[in-house]
N, C-alpha and C. Protein backbone atom coordinates (compact mmCIF):
# COMPACT_ATOMS: atom_id res chain seq x y z
N MET A 1 146.04 125.24 21.41
CA MET A 1 145.16 124.37 22.19
C MET A 1 145.95 123.24 22.84
N THR A 2 146.92 122.69 22.06
CA THR A 2 147.74 121.60 22.58
C THR A 2 148.56 122.06 23.77
N ARG A 3 149.12 123.26 23.66
CA ARG A 3 149.92 123.79 24.77
C ARG A 3 149.05 124.03 25.99
N LEU A 4 147.83 124.52 25.76
CA LEU A 4 146.92 124.76 26.87
C LEU A 4 146.57 123.46 27.57
N ARG A 5 146.30 122.43 26.79
CA ARG A 5 145.98 121.12 27.38
C ARG A 5 147.16 120.59 28.17
N SER A 6 148.34 120.76 27.63
CA SER A 6 149.55 120.29 28.34
C SER A 6 149.70 120.99 29.67
N LEU A 7 149.43 122.32 29.66
CA LEU A 7 149.54 123.09 30.90
C LEU A 7 148.51 122.63 31.92
N LEU A 8 147.28 122.38 31.45
CA LEU A 8 146.22 121.93 32.36
C LEU A 8 146.55 120.57 32.94
N VAL A 9 147.10 119.68 32.13
CA VAL A 9 147.50 118.36 32.61
C VAL A 9 148.59 118.50 33.66
N CYS A 10 149.54 119.41 33.41
CA CYS A 10 150.64 119.64 34.36
C CYS A 10 150.10 120.13 35.69
N VAL A 11 149.17 121.10 35.62
CA VAL A 11 148.58 121.63 36.84
C VAL A 11 147.82 120.55 37.59
N LEU A 12 147.07 119.70 36.85
CA LEU A 12 146.30 118.63 37.48
C LEU A 12 147.22 117.63 38.17
N LEU A 13 148.28 117.23 37.49
CA LEU A 13 149.22 116.27 38.08
C LEU A 13 149.89 116.86 39.31
N CYS A 14 150.24 118.15 39.23
CA CYS A 14 150.86 118.81 40.38
C CYS A 14 149.88 118.86 41.54
N SER A 15 148.61 119.15 41.23
CA SER A 15 147.60 119.23 42.27
C SER A 15 147.39 117.89 42.94
N LEU A 16 147.31 116.84 42.14
CA LEU A 16 147.11 115.50 42.69
C LEU A 16 148.29 115.07 43.53
N SER A 17 149.49 115.41 43.09
CA SER A 17 150.67 115.00 43.84
C SER A 17 150.78 115.74 45.15
N ALA A 18 150.15 116.92 45.24
CA ALA A 18 150.25 117.72 46.46
C ALA A 18 149.28 117.30 47.54
N CYS A 19 148.33 116.43 47.19
CA CYS A 19 147.27 116.11 48.14
C CYS A 19 147.79 115.43 49.40
N ASN A 20 148.88 114.68 49.30
CA ASN A 20 149.37 113.92 50.44
C ASN A 20 150.71 114.45 50.96
N LEU A 21 151.02 115.69 50.66
CA LEU A 21 152.30 116.23 51.08
C LEU A 21 152.27 116.63 52.54
N ASP A 22 153.45 116.59 53.15
CA ASP A 22 153.63 117.12 54.50
C ASP A 22 153.61 118.65 54.44
N PRO A 23 153.36 119.29 55.60
CA PRO A 23 153.02 118.67 56.88
C PRO A 23 151.54 118.34 56.98
N HIS A 24 151.24 117.15 57.47
CA HIS A 24 149.86 116.72 57.65
C HIS A 24 149.28 117.32 58.93
N ALA A 25 147.97 117.49 58.94
CA ALA A 25 147.29 117.92 60.16
C ALA A 25 147.37 116.81 61.20
N ILE A 26 147.44 117.21 62.45
CA ILE A 26 147.44 116.27 63.57
C ILE A 26 146.01 115.78 63.80
N ASP A 27 145.86 114.49 64.07
CA ASP A 27 144.53 113.94 64.39
C ASP A 27 144.19 114.28 65.83
N HIS A 28 143.50 115.38 66.01
CA HIS A 28 143.15 115.82 67.35
C HIS A 28 141.98 115.01 67.90
N VAL A 29 142.10 114.59 69.16
CA VAL A 29 141.02 113.87 69.84
C VAL A 29 140.16 114.88 70.59
N PRO A 30 138.89 115.05 70.19
CA PRO A 30 138.03 116.05 70.83
C PRO A 30 137.83 115.77 72.32
N GLU A 31 137.70 116.85 73.09
CA GLU A 31 137.46 116.76 74.53
C GLU A 31 135.97 116.93 74.82
N ALA A 32 135.52 116.34 75.88
CA ALA A 32 134.11 116.42 76.25
C ALA A 32 133.72 117.85 76.64
N ALA A 33 134.55 118.47 77.45
CA ALA A 33 134.25 119.83 77.91
C ALA A 33 135.56 120.63 77.98
N PRO A 34 136.08 121.05 76.84
CA PRO A 34 137.37 121.73 76.84
C PRO A 34 137.34 123.08 77.54
N ILE A 35 138.37 123.35 78.30
CA ILE A 35 138.54 124.65 78.95
C ILE A 35 139.57 125.42 78.14
N ARG A 36 139.11 126.42 77.41
CA ARG A 36 139.99 127.12 76.47
C ARG A 36 140.63 128.33 77.14
N ASN A 37 141.74 128.06 77.83
CA ASN A 37 142.44 129.12 78.56
C ASN A 37 143.75 129.53 77.89
N HIS A 38 143.93 129.10 76.63
CA HIS A 38 145.08 129.54 75.83
C HIS A 38 144.57 130.32 74.63
N GLN A 39 145.46 131.10 74.04
CA GLN A 39 145.06 131.89 72.88
C GLN A 39 146.21 131.99 71.90
N VAL A 40 145.91 131.78 70.63
CA VAL A 40 146.86 132.05 69.55
C VAL A 40 146.22 133.07 68.63
N LEU A 41 147.05 133.77 67.90
CA LEU A 41 146.56 134.77 66.96
C LEU A 41 146.86 134.32 65.53
N ILE A 42 145.91 134.56 64.64
CA ILE A 42 146.14 134.37 63.22
C ILE A 42 146.42 135.73 62.63
N ASN A 43 147.57 135.85 61.96
CA ASN A 43 148.02 137.12 61.38
C ASN A 43 147.78 137.10 59.88
N ASN A 44 147.03 138.07 59.40
CA ASN A 44 146.73 138.18 57.97
C ASN A 44 147.43 139.41 57.42
N ILE A 45 148.39 139.19 56.50
CA ILE A 45 149.10 140.33 55.91
C ILE A 45 148.57 140.68 54.52
N GLY A 46 147.49 140.03 54.12
CA GLY A 46 146.86 140.37 52.84
C GLY A 46 146.79 139.20 51.88
N TRP A 47 147.91 138.51 51.69
CA TRP A 47 147.93 137.33 50.83
C TRP A 47 148.38 136.09 51.60
N HIS A 48 148.88 136.30 52.79
CA HIS A 48 149.52 135.23 53.57
C HIS A 48 149.01 135.28 55.01
N THR A 49 148.84 134.10 55.62
CA THR A 49 148.48 134.02 57.03
C THR A 49 149.50 133.19 57.80
N GLY A 50 149.60 133.45 59.09
CA GLY A 50 150.49 132.68 59.95
C GLY A 50 150.01 132.74 61.38
N PHE A 51 150.73 132.06 62.26
CA PHE A 51 150.37 131.99 63.68
C PHE A 51 151.26 132.90 64.50
N VAL A 52 150.68 133.52 65.53
CA VAL A 52 151.44 134.28 66.52
C VAL A 52 151.20 133.60 67.86
N ILE A 53 152.31 133.15 68.49
CA ILE A 53 152.21 132.30 69.68
C ILE A 53 153.18 132.81 70.75
N GLU A 54 152.79 132.71 72.00
CA GLU A 54 153.65 133.13 73.11
C GLU A 54 154.99 132.40 73.06
N ALA A 55 156.07 133.16 73.21
CA ALA A 55 157.40 132.60 73.10
C ALA A 55 157.71 131.60 74.21
N GLU A 56 157.22 131.87 75.41
CA GLU A 56 157.53 130.99 76.55
C GLU A 56 157.08 129.56 76.27
N ARG A 57 155.88 129.40 75.73
CA ARG A 57 155.38 128.06 75.45
C ARG A 57 156.09 127.43 74.26
N LEU A 58 156.37 128.23 73.25
CA LEU A 58 157.00 127.68 72.05
C LEU A 58 158.46 127.33 72.30
N ASN A 59 159.14 128.10 73.15
CA ASN A 59 160.54 127.80 73.48
C ASN A 59 160.66 126.44 74.16
N THR A 60 159.67 126.09 74.96
CA THR A 60 159.69 124.79 75.64
C THR A 60 159.54 123.66 74.64
N ALA A 61 158.65 123.83 73.68
CA ALA A 61 158.40 122.78 72.69
C ALA A 61 159.47 122.75 71.60
N LEU A 62 160.01 123.91 71.26
CA LEU A 62 161.03 124.02 70.20
C LEU A 62 162.25 124.74 70.78
N PRO A 63 163.04 124.06 71.61
CA PRO A 63 164.14 124.72 72.31
C PRO A 63 165.21 125.30 71.40
N PHE A 64 165.28 124.86 70.15
CA PHE A 64 166.28 125.41 69.24
C PHE A 64 166.03 126.91 68.97
N LEU A 65 164.82 127.37 69.21
CA LEU A 65 164.54 128.79 69.00
C LEU A 65 165.32 129.66 69.97
N THR A 66 165.59 129.15 71.17
CA THR A 66 166.34 129.94 72.16
C THR A 66 167.80 130.09 71.76
N ASP A 67 168.29 129.23 70.87
CA ASP A 67 169.67 129.36 70.37
C ASP A 67 169.78 130.49 69.35
N ARG A 68 168.66 130.84 68.76
CA ARG A 68 168.67 131.86 67.69
C ARG A 68 168.13 133.22 68.16
N PHE A 69 167.11 133.20 69.01
CA PHE A 69 166.44 134.44 69.39
C PHE A 69 166.73 134.81 70.84
N THR A 70 166.57 136.09 71.16
CA THR A 70 166.93 136.61 72.47
C THR A 70 165.85 136.31 73.51
N PRO A 71 166.22 136.32 74.79
CA PRO A 71 165.24 136.07 75.86
C PRO A 71 164.15 137.13 75.94
N SER A 72 164.36 138.28 75.32
CA SER A 72 163.36 139.35 75.38
C SER A 72 162.19 139.11 74.41
N THR A 73 162.28 138.06 73.61
CA THR A 73 161.20 137.74 72.69
C THR A 73 159.95 137.34 73.45
N LEU A 74 158.83 138.00 73.20
CA LEU A 74 157.58 137.71 73.89
C LEU A 74 156.68 136.77 73.09
N TYR A 75 156.73 136.92 71.77
CA TYR A 75 155.91 136.09 70.88
C TYR A 75 156.74 135.71 69.66
N TYR A 76 156.29 134.68 68.97
CA TYR A 76 156.83 134.34 67.66
C TYR A 76 155.70 134.37 66.64
N GLU A 77 156.00 134.90 65.46
CA GLU A 77 155.10 134.73 64.33
C GLU A 77 155.70 133.66 63.43
N LEU A 78 154.89 132.69 63.01
CA LEU A 78 155.38 131.60 62.18
C LEU A 78 154.52 131.45 60.94
N GLY A 79 155.19 131.28 59.81
CA GLY A 79 154.51 131.04 58.55
C GLY A 79 155.27 130.01 57.74
N TRP A 80 154.60 129.41 56.78
CA TRP A 80 155.17 128.36 55.93
C TRP A 80 154.96 128.75 54.49
N GLY A 81 155.90 128.45 53.61
CA GLY A 81 155.72 128.80 52.21
C GLY A 81 156.79 128.21 51.31
N ASP A 82 156.74 128.61 50.04
CA ASP A 82 157.68 128.09 49.04
C ASP A 82 159.10 128.59 49.32
N LYS A 83 160.06 127.70 49.14
CA LYS A 83 161.45 128.00 49.44
C LYS A 83 161.98 129.17 48.61
N GLY A 84 161.71 129.16 47.32
CA GLY A 84 162.23 130.23 46.46
C GLY A 84 161.44 131.52 46.58
N PHE A 85 160.13 131.41 46.52
CA PHE A 85 159.26 132.59 46.53
C PHE A 85 159.33 133.32 47.86
N TYR A 86 159.23 132.59 48.95
CA TYR A 86 159.15 133.20 50.28
C TYR A 86 160.45 133.91 50.65
N GLN A 87 161.59 133.36 50.25
CA GLN A 87 162.87 133.94 50.64
C GLN A 87 163.34 135.06 49.71
N SER A 88 162.64 135.25 48.61
CA SER A 88 163.07 136.25 47.64
C SER A 88 162.65 137.65 48.04
N HIS A 89 163.53 138.62 47.80
CA HIS A 89 163.20 140.02 48.07
C HIS A 89 162.62 140.70 46.84
N GLU A 90 162.59 139.99 45.71
CA GLU A 90 162.01 140.52 44.48
C GLU A 90 161.14 139.44 43.86
N ILE A 91 159.84 139.67 43.80
CA ILE A 91 158.90 138.69 43.27
C ILE A 91 158.80 138.84 41.75
N THR A 92 159.02 137.75 41.04
CA THR A 92 158.93 137.75 39.59
C THR A 92 157.90 136.73 39.13
N THR A 93 157.50 136.83 37.88
CA THR A 93 156.56 135.87 37.31
C THR A 93 157.14 134.47 37.34
N GLU A 94 158.43 134.35 37.06
CA GLU A 94 159.08 133.04 37.06
C GLU A 94 159.05 132.41 38.45
N LEU A 95 159.35 133.21 39.47
CA LEU A 95 159.31 132.69 40.84
C LEU A 95 157.90 132.23 41.21
N THR A 96 156.91 133.00 40.80
CA THR A 96 155.53 132.66 41.11
C THR A 96 155.12 131.35 40.46
N LEU A 97 155.46 131.19 39.18
CA LEU A 97 155.11 129.96 38.47
C LEU A 97 155.85 128.76 39.05
N ARG A 98 157.11 128.96 39.40
CA ARG A 98 157.87 127.86 40.00
C ARG A 98 157.26 127.44 41.33
N ALA A 99 156.83 128.41 42.12
CA ALA A 99 156.22 128.10 43.41
C ALA A 99 154.96 127.28 43.22
N MET A 100 154.14 127.65 42.23
CA MET A 100 152.86 126.99 42.03
C MET A 100 152.99 125.62 41.37
N LEU A 101 153.98 125.48 40.47
CA LEU A 101 154.03 124.27 39.66
C LEU A 101 155.28 123.42 39.87
N TRP A 102 156.41 124.03 40.21
CA TRP A 102 157.66 123.26 40.33
C TRP A 102 158.43 123.68 41.58
N SER A 103 157.77 123.68 42.69
CA SER A 103 158.41 124.11 43.93
C SER A 103 159.64 123.27 44.25
N SER A 104 160.69 123.94 44.70
CA SER A 104 161.93 123.25 45.07
C SER A 104 161.93 122.85 46.54
N GLY A 105 160.86 123.14 47.24
CA GLY A 105 160.78 122.81 48.66
C GLY A 105 160.07 123.91 49.42
N SER A 106 160.12 123.82 50.73
CA SER A 106 159.41 124.80 51.56
C SER A 106 160.31 125.31 52.68
N VAL A 107 159.85 126.38 53.30
CA VAL A 107 160.56 126.97 54.44
C VAL A 107 159.55 127.37 55.51
N VAL A 108 160.05 127.48 56.73
CA VAL A 108 159.28 128.05 57.83
C VAL A 108 159.92 129.38 58.19
N HIS A 109 159.11 130.42 58.27
CA HIS A 109 159.59 131.75 58.60
C HIS A 109 159.23 132.04 60.06
N VAL A 110 160.22 132.38 60.87
CA VAL A 110 160.00 132.66 62.29
C VAL A 110 160.44 134.09 62.58
N VAL A 111 159.53 134.87 63.17
CA VAL A 111 159.80 136.26 63.51
C VAL A 111 159.70 136.45 65.01
N ALA A 112 160.70 137.06 65.62
CA ALA A 112 160.65 137.39 67.04
C ALA A 112 159.84 138.66 67.23
N VAL A 113 158.83 138.61 68.10
CA VAL A 113 157.98 139.76 68.37
C VAL A 113 158.25 140.23 69.80
N PRO A 114 158.88 141.40 69.98
CA PRO A 114 159.32 141.84 71.31
C PRO A 114 158.27 142.65 72.08
N GLU A 115 157.07 142.80 71.53
CA GLU A 115 156.02 143.60 72.15
C GLU A 115 154.67 142.99 71.85
N SER A 116 153.61 143.69 72.21
CA SER A 116 152.27 143.19 71.91
C SER A 116 152.12 142.99 70.40
N PRO A 117 151.61 141.84 69.97
CA PRO A 117 151.41 141.62 68.53
C PRO A 117 150.50 142.67 67.90
N TYR A 118 149.56 143.19 68.69
CA TYR A 118 148.65 144.20 68.16
C TYR A 118 149.39 145.51 67.83
N GLN A 119 150.50 145.75 68.53
CA GLN A 119 151.33 146.91 68.22
C GLN A 119 152.30 146.59 67.09
N TYR A 120 152.93 145.42 67.19
CA TYR A 120 153.94 145.03 66.20
C TYR A 120 153.32 144.88 64.81
N PHE A 121 152.13 144.31 64.76
CA PHE A 121 151.42 144.10 63.48
C PHE A 121 150.21 145.03 63.40
N SER A 122 150.43 146.29 63.71
CA SER A 122 149.32 147.24 63.81
C SER A 122 148.60 147.46 62.48
N ASN A 123 149.26 147.18 61.36
CA ASN A 123 148.65 147.37 60.06
C ASN A 123 148.01 146.09 59.51
N ASN A 124 148.07 145.02 60.28
CA ASN A 124 147.54 143.74 59.83
C ASN A 124 146.23 143.42 60.52
N GLN A 125 145.55 142.42 59.99
CA GLN A 125 144.34 141.90 60.63
C GLN A 125 144.74 140.72 61.50
N LEU A 126 144.36 140.77 62.77
CA LEU A 126 144.65 139.70 63.71
C LEU A 126 143.35 139.14 64.26
N VAL A 127 143.28 137.82 64.34
CA VAL A 127 142.12 137.17 64.93
C VAL A 127 142.61 136.23 66.03
N ALA A 128 142.05 136.38 67.22
CA ALA A 128 142.42 135.54 68.36
C ALA A 128 141.58 134.27 68.36
N VAL A 129 142.26 133.14 68.57
CA VAL A 129 141.59 131.84 68.60
C VAL A 129 141.83 131.20 69.97
N PRO A 130 140.79 131.01 70.78
CA PRO A 130 140.95 130.37 72.09
C PRO A 130 141.11 128.87 71.95
N LEU A 131 142.04 128.28 72.72
CA LEU A 131 142.32 126.85 72.64
C LEU A 131 142.47 126.26 74.04
N SER A 132 142.12 125.01 74.17
CA SER A 132 142.38 124.27 75.41
C SER A 132 143.83 123.82 75.43
N GLU A 133 144.25 123.26 76.54
CA GLU A 133 145.62 122.76 76.65
C GLU A 133 145.90 121.69 75.59
N SER A 134 144.98 120.77 75.42
CA SER A 134 145.14 119.70 74.44
C SER A 134 145.16 120.25 73.02
N GLU A 135 144.26 121.18 72.73
CA GLU A 135 144.21 121.77 71.39
C GLU A 135 145.49 122.55 71.09
N PHE A 136 145.94 123.30 72.09
CA PHE A 136 147.17 124.07 71.93
C PHE A 136 148.37 123.16 71.69
N ASN A 137 148.46 122.08 72.45
CA ASN A 137 149.59 121.15 72.30
C ASN A 137 149.61 120.50 70.92
N ASP A 138 148.43 120.17 70.38
CA ASP A 138 148.39 119.56 69.04
C ASP A 138 148.76 120.57 67.96
N LEU A 139 148.41 121.84 68.16
CA LEU A 139 148.86 122.87 67.23
C LEU A 139 150.38 122.96 67.24
N ILE A 140 150.98 122.94 68.42
CA ILE A 140 152.43 123.01 68.54
C ILE A 140 153.08 121.79 67.88
N ARG A 141 152.46 120.63 68.05
CA ARG A 141 152.98 119.42 67.39
C ARG A 141 152.97 119.57 65.88
N PHE A 142 151.90 120.16 65.35
CA PHE A 142 151.82 120.39 63.91
C PHE A 142 152.92 121.34 63.45
N ILE A 143 153.10 122.44 64.18
CA ILE A 143 154.13 123.40 63.81
C ILE A 143 155.51 122.77 63.87
N ALA A 144 155.77 121.98 64.92
CA ALA A 144 157.06 121.30 65.04
C ALA A 144 157.31 120.37 63.86
N SER A 145 156.26 119.71 63.37
CA SER A 145 156.40 118.78 62.24
C SER A 145 156.65 119.51 60.93
N SER A 146 156.48 120.82 60.92
CA SER A 146 156.67 121.61 59.70
C SER A 146 158.13 121.93 59.44
N PHE A 147 158.98 121.75 60.44
CA PHE A 147 160.42 121.99 60.29
C PHE A 147 161.11 120.73 59.78
N ALA A 148 161.87 120.85 58.71
CA ALA A 148 162.71 119.74 58.26
C ALA A 148 163.89 119.60 59.22
N ARG A 149 164.44 118.40 59.31
CA ARG A 149 165.55 118.14 60.23
C ARG A 149 166.72 117.50 59.48
N ASP A 150 167.93 117.71 60.02
CA ASP A 150 169.10 117.06 59.43
C ASP A 150 169.24 115.65 60.00
N ALA A 151 170.33 114.98 59.67
CA ALA A 151 170.53 113.60 60.08
C ALA A 151 170.58 113.44 61.59
N ASN A 152 170.91 114.53 62.29
CA ASN A 152 170.99 114.49 63.74
C ASN A 152 169.71 115.00 64.42
N GLY A 153 168.67 115.22 63.61
CA GLY A 153 167.40 115.67 64.17
C GLY A 153 167.33 117.15 64.48
N ARG A 154 168.28 117.92 63.97
CA ARG A 154 168.29 119.35 64.24
C ARG A 154 167.64 120.12 63.09
N PRO A 155 166.95 121.21 63.37
CA PRO A 155 166.37 122.04 62.30
C PRO A 155 167.47 122.65 61.45
N ILE A 156 167.15 122.95 60.22
CA ILE A 156 168.14 123.43 59.26
C ILE A 156 167.94 124.93 59.06
N ARG A 157 168.87 125.71 59.60
CA ARG A 157 168.76 127.16 59.50
C ARG A 157 169.21 127.62 58.11
N LEU A 158 168.44 128.53 57.51
CA LEU A 158 168.76 129.07 56.20
C LEU A 158 169.10 130.56 56.34
N GLN A 159 168.61 131.40 55.46
CA GLN A 159 168.97 132.81 55.51
C GLN A 159 168.11 133.58 56.50
N SER A 160 168.52 134.82 56.76
CA SER A 160 167.74 135.67 57.65
C SER A 160 166.36 135.91 57.05
N GLY A 161 165.39 136.26 57.94
CA GLY A 161 164.02 136.42 57.49
C GLY A 161 163.74 137.75 56.81
N LEU A 162 162.46 138.03 56.62
CA LEU A 162 162.05 139.16 55.80
C LEU A 162 162.00 140.48 56.56
N TYR A 163 161.73 140.47 57.85
CA TYR A 163 161.61 141.72 58.58
C TYR A 163 161.88 141.48 60.06
N GLY A 164 162.35 142.55 60.72
CA GLY A 164 162.65 142.45 62.14
C GLY A 164 163.73 141.40 62.41
N ASP A 165 163.69 140.85 63.59
CA ASP A 165 164.60 139.76 63.96
C ASP A 165 163.92 138.46 63.55
N SER A 166 164.31 137.93 62.42
CA SER A 166 163.61 136.78 61.86
C SER A 166 164.56 135.82 61.16
N GLN A 167 164.09 134.61 60.95
CA GLN A 167 164.94 133.54 60.43
C GLN A 167 164.11 132.57 59.59
N PHE A 168 164.70 132.13 58.47
CA PHE A 168 164.11 131.04 57.68
C PHE A 168 164.74 129.71 58.09
N TYR A 169 163.89 128.68 58.16
CA TYR A 169 164.34 127.31 58.39
C TYR A 169 163.79 126.43 57.25
N ALA A 170 164.52 125.38 56.93
CA ALA A 170 164.02 124.44 55.93
C ALA A 170 162.73 123.81 56.44
N GLY A 171 161.76 123.64 55.53
CA GLY A 171 160.47 123.11 55.92
C GLY A 171 160.17 121.75 55.34
N ASN A 172 159.15 121.11 55.84
CA ASN A 172 158.64 119.86 55.29
C ASN A 172 157.55 120.18 54.27
N GLY A 173 157.46 119.36 53.23
CA GLY A 173 156.42 119.53 52.23
C GLY A 173 156.83 120.48 51.13
N SER A 174 156.03 120.54 50.09
CA SER A 174 156.28 121.42 48.95
C SER A 174 155.06 122.27 48.67
N TYR A 175 155.31 123.52 48.36
CA TYR A 175 154.25 124.45 48.01
C TYR A 175 153.71 124.12 46.62
N SER A 176 152.43 124.39 46.39
CA SER A 176 151.83 124.23 45.07
C SER A 176 150.53 125.01 45.01
N LEU A 177 149.86 124.92 43.89
CA LEU A 177 148.57 125.59 43.73
C LEU A 177 147.57 125.17 44.80
N VAL A 178 147.66 123.91 45.23
CA VAL A 178 146.69 123.41 46.20
C VAL A 178 147.34 123.10 47.55
N ASN A 179 148.55 123.59 47.74
CA ASN A 179 149.23 123.40 49.03
C ASN A 179 149.91 124.71 49.38
N THR A 180 149.10 125.70 49.70
CA THR A 180 149.60 127.05 49.90
C THR A 180 149.91 127.33 51.37
N CYS A 181 150.47 128.52 51.61
CA CYS A 181 150.75 128.94 52.97
C CYS A 181 149.47 129.01 53.80
N ASN A 182 148.38 129.37 53.16
CA ASN A 182 147.11 129.47 53.88
C ASN A 182 146.51 128.10 54.17
N LYS A 183 146.77 127.15 53.29
CA LYS A 183 146.32 125.79 53.58
C LYS A 183 147.10 125.23 54.76
N TRP A 184 148.36 125.63 54.87
CA TRP A 184 149.17 125.24 56.04
C TRP A 184 148.53 125.78 57.31
N THR A 185 148.10 127.03 57.29
CA THR A 185 147.41 127.61 58.44
C THR A 185 146.14 126.83 58.76
N ALA A 186 145.39 126.47 57.71
CA ALA A 186 144.15 125.71 57.91
C ALA A 186 144.44 124.36 58.55
N ARG A 187 145.51 123.70 58.13
CA ARG A 187 145.86 122.41 58.73
C ARG A 187 146.27 122.58 60.19
N GLY A 188 146.92 123.69 60.49
CA GLY A 188 147.24 123.97 61.88
C GLY A 188 146.00 124.14 62.73
N LEU A 189 145.03 124.86 62.20
CA LEU A 189 143.78 125.06 62.92
C LEU A 189 143.03 123.74 63.08
N LYS A 190 143.06 122.92 62.05
CA LYS A 190 142.41 121.60 62.15
C LYS A 190 143.12 120.75 63.19
N SER A 191 144.44 120.83 63.24
CA SER A 191 145.21 120.10 64.26
C SER A 191 144.79 120.52 65.66
N ALA A 192 144.40 121.80 65.79
CA ALA A 192 144.00 122.33 67.09
C ALA A 192 142.54 122.04 67.41
N GLY A 193 141.90 121.23 66.57
CA GLY A 193 140.54 120.80 66.87
C GLY A 193 139.44 121.63 66.25
N LEU A 194 139.78 122.65 65.45
CA LEU A 194 138.74 123.46 64.83
C LEU A 194 138.10 122.67 63.69
N ASP A 195 136.82 122.87 63.53
CA ASP A 195 136.06 122.17 62.50
C ASP A 195 136.17 122.93 61.19
N ILE A 196 137.36 122.86 60.58
CA ILE A 196 137.64 123.60 59.36
C ILE A 196 137.92 122.62 58.23
N SER A 197 137.32 122.85 57.09
CA SER A 197 137.55 122.03 55.91
C SER A 197 138.75 122.60 55.18
N THR A 198 139.84 121.84 55.10
CA THR A 198 141.10 122.39 54.58
C THR A 198 141.27 122.40 53.06
N PRO A 199 140.61 121.53 52.27
CA PRO A 199 140.94 121.44 50.85
C PRO A 199 140.89 122.76 50.08
N PHE A 200 139.94 123.62 50.40
CA PHE A 200 139.78 124.85 49.62
C PHE A 200 140.16 126.10 50.39
N LYS A 201 140.88 125.95 51.48
CA LYS A 201 141.37 127.11 52.22
C LYS A 201 142.75 127.49 51.66
N LEU A 202 142.73 128.07 50.46
CA LEU A 202 143.97 128.35 49.74
C LEU A 202 144.39 129.81 49.83
N THR A 203 143.48 130.68 50.23
CA THR A 203 143.77 132.11 50.29
C THR A 203 143.63 132.63 51.72
N ALA A 204 144.25 133.78 51.95
CA ALA A 204 144.13 134.41 53.27
C ALA A 204 142.68 134.76 53.57
N GLY A 205 141.97 135.21 52.55
CA GLY A 205 140.57 135.57 52.74
C GLY A 205 139.72 134.40 53.19
N SER A 206 140.00 133.21 52.64
CA SER A 206 139.21 132.04 53.03
C SER A 206 139.45 131.66 54.48
N ILE A 207 140.66 131.87 54.96
CA ILE A 207 140.98 131.60 56.37
C ILE A 207 140.26 132.60 57.27
N MET A 208 140.36 133.87 56.93
CA MET A 208 139.78 134.90 57.78
C MET A 208 138.26 134.85 57.76
N ASP A 209 137.68 134.52 56.62
CA ASP A 209 136.22 134.37 56.55
C ASP A 209 135.75 133.25 57.47
N TYR A 210 136.51 132.15 57.48
CA TYR A 210 136.14 131.05 58.38
C TYR A 210 136.22 131.49 59.84
N LEU A 211 137.32 132.13 60.21
CA LEU A 211 137.50 132.53 61.60
C LEU A 211 136.44 133.54 62.05
N GLN A 212 136.07 134.43 61.16
CA GLN A 212 135.08 135.44 61.51
C GLN A 212 133.69 134.85 61.66
N SER A 213 133.51 133.63 61.16
CA SER A 213 132.22 132.96 61.33
C SER A 213 132.14 132.19 62.65
N GLN A 214 133.29 132.14 63.36
CA GLN A 214 133.35 131.40 64.62
C GLN A 214 133.21 132.35 65.81
N ALA A 215 132.90 131.79 66.98
CA ALA A 215 132.80 132.59 68.21
C ALA A 215 133.13 131.66 69.38
N PRO A 216 133.74 132.19 70.47
CA PRO A 216 134.11 133.59 70.63
C PRO A 216 135.40 133.89 69.91
N GLN A 217 135.65 135.14 69.62
CA GLN A 217 136.86 135.57 68.95
C GLN A 217 137.03 137.06 69.12
N GLU A 218 138.20 137.53 68.77
CA GLU A 218 138.50 138.96 68.81
C GLU A 218 139.16 139.31 67.50
N THR A 219 138.67 140.31 66.83
CA THR A 219 139.22 140.71 65.54
C THR A 219 139.74 142.12 65.64
N VAL A 220 140.96 142.33 65.11
CA VAL A 220 141.55 143.65 65.09
C VAL A 220 142.02 143.94 63.67
N LYS A 221 141.66 145.04 63.12
CA LYS A 221 142.09 145.42 61.77
C LYS A 221 143.02 146.61 61.83
């Protein structure tokens, strides 16, 4: 019983400490009559969600991507997660517990998508989210704030990514039970002006359920 109480206290303290961790959602200023002529995709791989964004727009906001990826890149998929768990090719119980309770930091995973995302991620669930120029720009600001920087303001490149032409970068914030990759996605959506409550958006299912309750949208499974 004593050990159980100690574990619960540890989880509670970890949860409380995670409440104010970076990256924070951007305070988006609502528009009176937004014209939503941009689109981003939310990619659901089963346990994890991320954003798929046109490379042309993201290269302008994050020019360091052009130093790493080829001009033929049409889209980028971006996700955020625990430094140890996300970069590992073998998932263990120890890695999982460390990610939830004693994270050593976070990473941003960037994947170059050279074709239609619907073809590249044909086995995944994709949901299209329409955004105005202002909403889109605030989402990009949130994503940019998710990259950690060195003393010269440059992003910190780590190891190669998990699939395709991909790369890990050091991230801001720490992963925990209440600061998951899916909560990062929720904060991105909130930054883009969506009326999403982020505290309990901890799973991929909670993100996709929210998006499927919104309209207009396009869902592909």
